[in-house]
Protein backbone atom coordinates (compact mmCIF):
# COMPACT_ATOMS: atom_id res chain seq x y z
CA UNK A 1 -21.65 -33.70 -36.54
CA UNK A 2 -24.05 -31.28 -34.74
CA UNK A 3 -25.15 -32.15 -31.19
CA UNK A 4 -28.80 -32.63 -32.17
CA UNK A 5 -27.81 -35.08 -34.91
CA UNK A 6 -25.63 -37.01 -32.46
CA UNK A 7 -28.52 -37.13 -30.02
CA UNK A 8 -30.89 -38.41 -32.72
CA UNK A 9 -28.37 -41.03 -33.79
CA UNK A 10 -27.88 -42.12 -30.17
CA UNK A 11 -31.61 -42.50 -29.61
CA UNK A 12 -31.98 -44.40 -32.88
CA UNK A 13 -29.13 -46.75 -31.98
CA UNK A 14 -30.58 -47.32 -28.50
CA UNK A 15 -34.01 -48.02 -30.00
CA UNK A 16 -32.61 -50.52 -32.51
CA UNK A 17 -30.52 -52.21 -29.82
CA UNK A 18 -33.57 -52.53 -27.59
CA UNK A 19 -35.63 -54.03 -30.42
CA UNK A 20 -32.80 -56.42 -31.28
CA UNK A 21 -32.38 -57.81 -27.77
CA UNK A 22 -36.05 -58.39 -26.88
CA UNK A 23 -36.66 -61.65 -28.76
CA UNK A 24 -33.31 -63.32 -27.97
CA UNK A 25 -33.55 -62.38 -24.28
CA UNK A 26 -37.09 -63.76 -24.03
CA UNK A 27 -36.06 -67.01 -25.70
CA UNK A 28 -33.08 -67.36 -23.34
CA UNK A 29 -35.28 -66.72 -20.26
CA UNK A 30 -37.81 -69.31 -21.40
CA UNK A 31 -35.11 -71.91 -22.14
CA UNK A 32 -33.41 -71.21 -18.80
CA UNK A 33 -36.73 -71.80 -17.01
CA UNK A 34 -37.18 -75.10 -18.86
CA UNK A 35 -40.01 -73.75 -21.02
CA UNK A 36 -40.36 -74.07 -24.73
CA UNK A 37 -39.96 -70.64 -26.38
CA UNK A 38 -43.38 -69.17 -27.06
CA UNK A 39 -42.28 -67.92 -30.49
CA UNK A 40 -42.03 -71.57 -31.56
CA UNK A 41 -45.85 -71.60 -31.60
CA UNK A 42 -45.57 -69.66 -34.84
CA UNK A 43 -44.17 -72.77 -36.54
CA UNK A 44 -46.37 -75.40 -34.86
CA UNK A 45 -49.61 -74.49 -36.59
CA UNK A 46 -50.86 -72.99 -39.79
CA UNK A 47 -50.90 -69.23 -39.31
CA UNK A 48 -54.38 -67.72 -39.27
CA UNK A 49 -55.48 -64.26 -38.35
CA UNK A 50 -56.79 -65.52 -34.99
CA UNK A 51 -53.70 -67.60 -34.14
CA UNK A 52 -51.35 -64.74 -35.05
CA UNK A 53 -53.34 -62.29 -32.92
CA UNK A 54 -53.29 -64.75 -30.03
CA UNK A 55 -49.54 -65.28 -30.41
CA UNK A 56 -48.88 -61.54 -30.59
CA UNK A 57 -51.00 -60.90 -27.51
CA UNK A 58 -49.21 -63.68 -25.62
CA UNK A 59 -45.78 -62.40 -26.62
CA UNK A 60 -46.68 -58.87 -25.52
CA UNK A 61 -48.05 -59.91 -22.15
CA UNK A 62 -45.29 -62.42 -21.35
CA UNK A 63 -42.26 -60.36 -22.38
CA UNK A 64 -40.06 -60.18 -19.29
CA UNK A 65 -37.78 -57.47 -20.64
CA UNK A 66 -40.77 -55.24 -21.36
CA UNK A 67 -42.12 -55.79 -17.84
CA UNK A 68 -38.75 -54.76 -16.40
CA UNK A 69 -38.19 -51.73 -18.64
CA UNK A 70 -41.75 -50.38 -19.02
CA UNK A 71 -42.03 -48.72 -15.57
CA UNK A 72 -38.69 -46.98 -16.04
CA UNK A 73 -39.63 -45.80 -19.53
CA UNK A 74 -42.94 -44.48 -18.23
CA UNK A 75 -41.13 -42.66 -15.45
CA UNK A 76 -38.62 -41.16 -17.91
CA UNK A 77 -41.46 -40.14 -20.22
CA UNK A 78 -43.15 -38.39 -17.31
CA UNK A 79 -40.04 -36.66 -15.93
CA UNK A 80 -38.27 -35.74 -19.17
CA UNK A 81 -41.22 -35.06 -21.47
CA UNK A 82 -43.87 -34.16 -18.87
CA UNK A 83 -46.10 -36.73 -20.54
CA UNK A 84 -48.33 -38.73 -18.21
CA UNK A 85 -49.42 -41.15 -20.92
CA UNK A 86 -52.64 -41.79 -22.78
CA UNK A 87 -54.93 -42.04 -19.75
CA UNK A 88 -53.74 -39.07 -17.69
CA UNK A 89 -53.65 -35.30 -17.83
CA UNK A 90 -51.12 -33.33 -15.80
CA UNK A 91 -52.77 -30.51 -13.89
CA UNK A 92 -51.39 -27.68 -11.81
CA UNK A 93 -48.89 -28.66 -9.13
CA UNK A 94 -48.22 -31.95 -10.96
CA UNK A 95 -51.69 -33.26 -10.07
CA UNK A 96 -52.76 -36.16 -12.27
CA UNK A 97 -56.29 -36.44 -13.66
CA UNK A 98 -57.93 -39.32 -15.50
CA UNK A 99 -58.20 -38.15 -19.14
CA UNK A 100 -61.68 -39.62 -19.89
CA UNK A 101 -63.03 -37.86 -16.78
CA UNK A 102 -61.62 -34.53 -17.96
CA UNK A 103 -62.97 -35.11 -21.47
CA UNK A 104 -66.39 -35.81 -19.98
CA UNK A 105 -66.34 -32.38 -18.36
CA UNK A 106 -65.20 -30.36 -21.33
CA UNK A 107 -66.30 -32.15 -24.50
CA UNK A 108 -69.81 -32.35 -25.95
CA UNK A 109 -71.68 -35.57 -25.24
CA UNK A 110 -75.10 -36.99 -26.05
CA UNK A 111 -78.18 -35.06 -25.00
CA UNK A 112 -79.31 -35.52 -21.43
CA UNK A 113 -82.60 -36.91 -22.78
CA UNK A 114 -80.71 -39.90 -24.25
CA UNK A 115 -78.92 -40.55 -20.98
CA UNK A 116 -82.06 -40.16 -18.92
CA UNK A 117 -83.98 -42.48 -21.27
CA UNK A 118 -81.21 -45.10 -20.96
CA UNK A 119 -81.33 -44.91 -17.16
CA UNK A 120 -85.15 -45.25 -17.16
CA UNK A 121 -84.99 -48.18 -19.55
CA UNK A 122 -82.42 -49.90 -17.36
CA UNK A 123 -84.55 -49.20 -14.28
CA UNK A 124 -87.60 -50.71 -15.99
CA UNK A 125 -85.66 -53.83 -17.07
CA UNK A 126 -84.45 -54.33 -13.52
CA UNK A 127 -87.94 -53.75 -12.10
CA UNK A 128 -89.26 -56.62 -14.25
CA UNK A 129 -86.85 -58.86 -12.33
CA UNK A 130 -87.84 -57.40 -8.97
CA UNK A 131 -84.68 -55.32 -8.63
CA UNK A 132 -84.76 -51.69 -7.61
CA UNK A 133 -82.26 -49.37 -9.27
CA UNK A 134 -80.45 -46.93 -7.03
CA UNK A 135 -78.54 -44.26 -8.96
CA UNK A 136 -75.69 -42.75 -7.00
CA UNK A 137 -73.78 -40.14 -8.99
CA UNK A 138 -70.18 -39.81 -7.88
CA UNK A 139 -68.12 -36.79 -8.87
CA UNK A 140 -64.77 -37.33 -10.47
CA UNK A 141 -61.55 -35.72 -9.30
CA UNK A 142 -61.69 -32.99 -11.96
CA UNK A 143 -65.14 -31.96 -10.68
CA UNK A 144 -63.97 -31.79 -7.08
CA UNK A 145 -60.65 -30.06 -7.70
CA UNK A 146 -61.13 -28.05 -10.93
CA UNK A 147 -58.68 -25.42 -9.70
CA UNK A 148 -55.91 -28.04 -9.81
CA UNK A 149 -56.73 -28.78 -13.41
CA UNK A 150 -56.78 -25.20 -14.67
CA UNK A 151 -56.29 -21.84 -12.97
CA UNK A 152 -59.43 -20.44 -14.62
CA UNK A 153 -61.59 -23.06 -12.91
CA UNK A 154 -60.92 -21.76 -9.38
CA UNK A 155 -64.16 -21.11 -7.50
CA UNK A 156 -66.31 -23.43 -9.61
CA UNK A 157 -68.74 -25.06 -7.19
CA UNK A 158 -70.91 -27.18 -9.51
CA UNK A 159 -70.03 -29.89 -12.03
CA UNK A 160 -68.57 -28.10 -15.03
CA UNK A 161 -70.60 -29.96 -17.64
CA UNK A 162 -74.11 -28.47 -17.82
CA UNK A 163 -75.48 -31.79 -19.09
CA UNK A 164 -74.54 -33.35 -15.76
CA UNK A 165 -76.68 -30.79 -13.95
CA UNK A 166 -79.60 -31.56 -16.29
CA UNK A 167 -79.42 -35.32 -15.66
CA UNK A 168 -79.12 -34.84 -11.90
CA UNK A 169 -82.12 -32.49 -11.86
CA UNK A 170 -84.23 -35.02 -13.80
CA UNK A 171 -83.16 -37.88 -11.56
């Protein structure tokens, strides 16, 4: 059997083993702690879309094995696959950037007129209640350190997204 096939089979076996031990281990932990297994809720009531979603959410958030393993899996994902997850982008020198902040800088977004109109509308709604709106733009990490995100961004002194400059000028 080729090495790559053995590796795939090993990963598949490890994955199936992990899936197979989650439910029994959770039940044993709950019984050991004198709790009634949460999965029993499935049989206590008539299943509805809402009750099944609630049960699933509870099982996900209360799974002790997942809480123990998740940080190590995230670390392995980062080290072995150089994948920082769904919310991060790896920059130069292993700098981490918040993905939505990077997307804000490089992807198209609504016209600055829409944003400015929304801010003015919010200001007017607050003014009716006697509240003054103070807008304080704060740059994100990718705006401050663009050179750590991409080599071609070295020397950029303004926010990369031109729409940002438009909104700031209007404000």
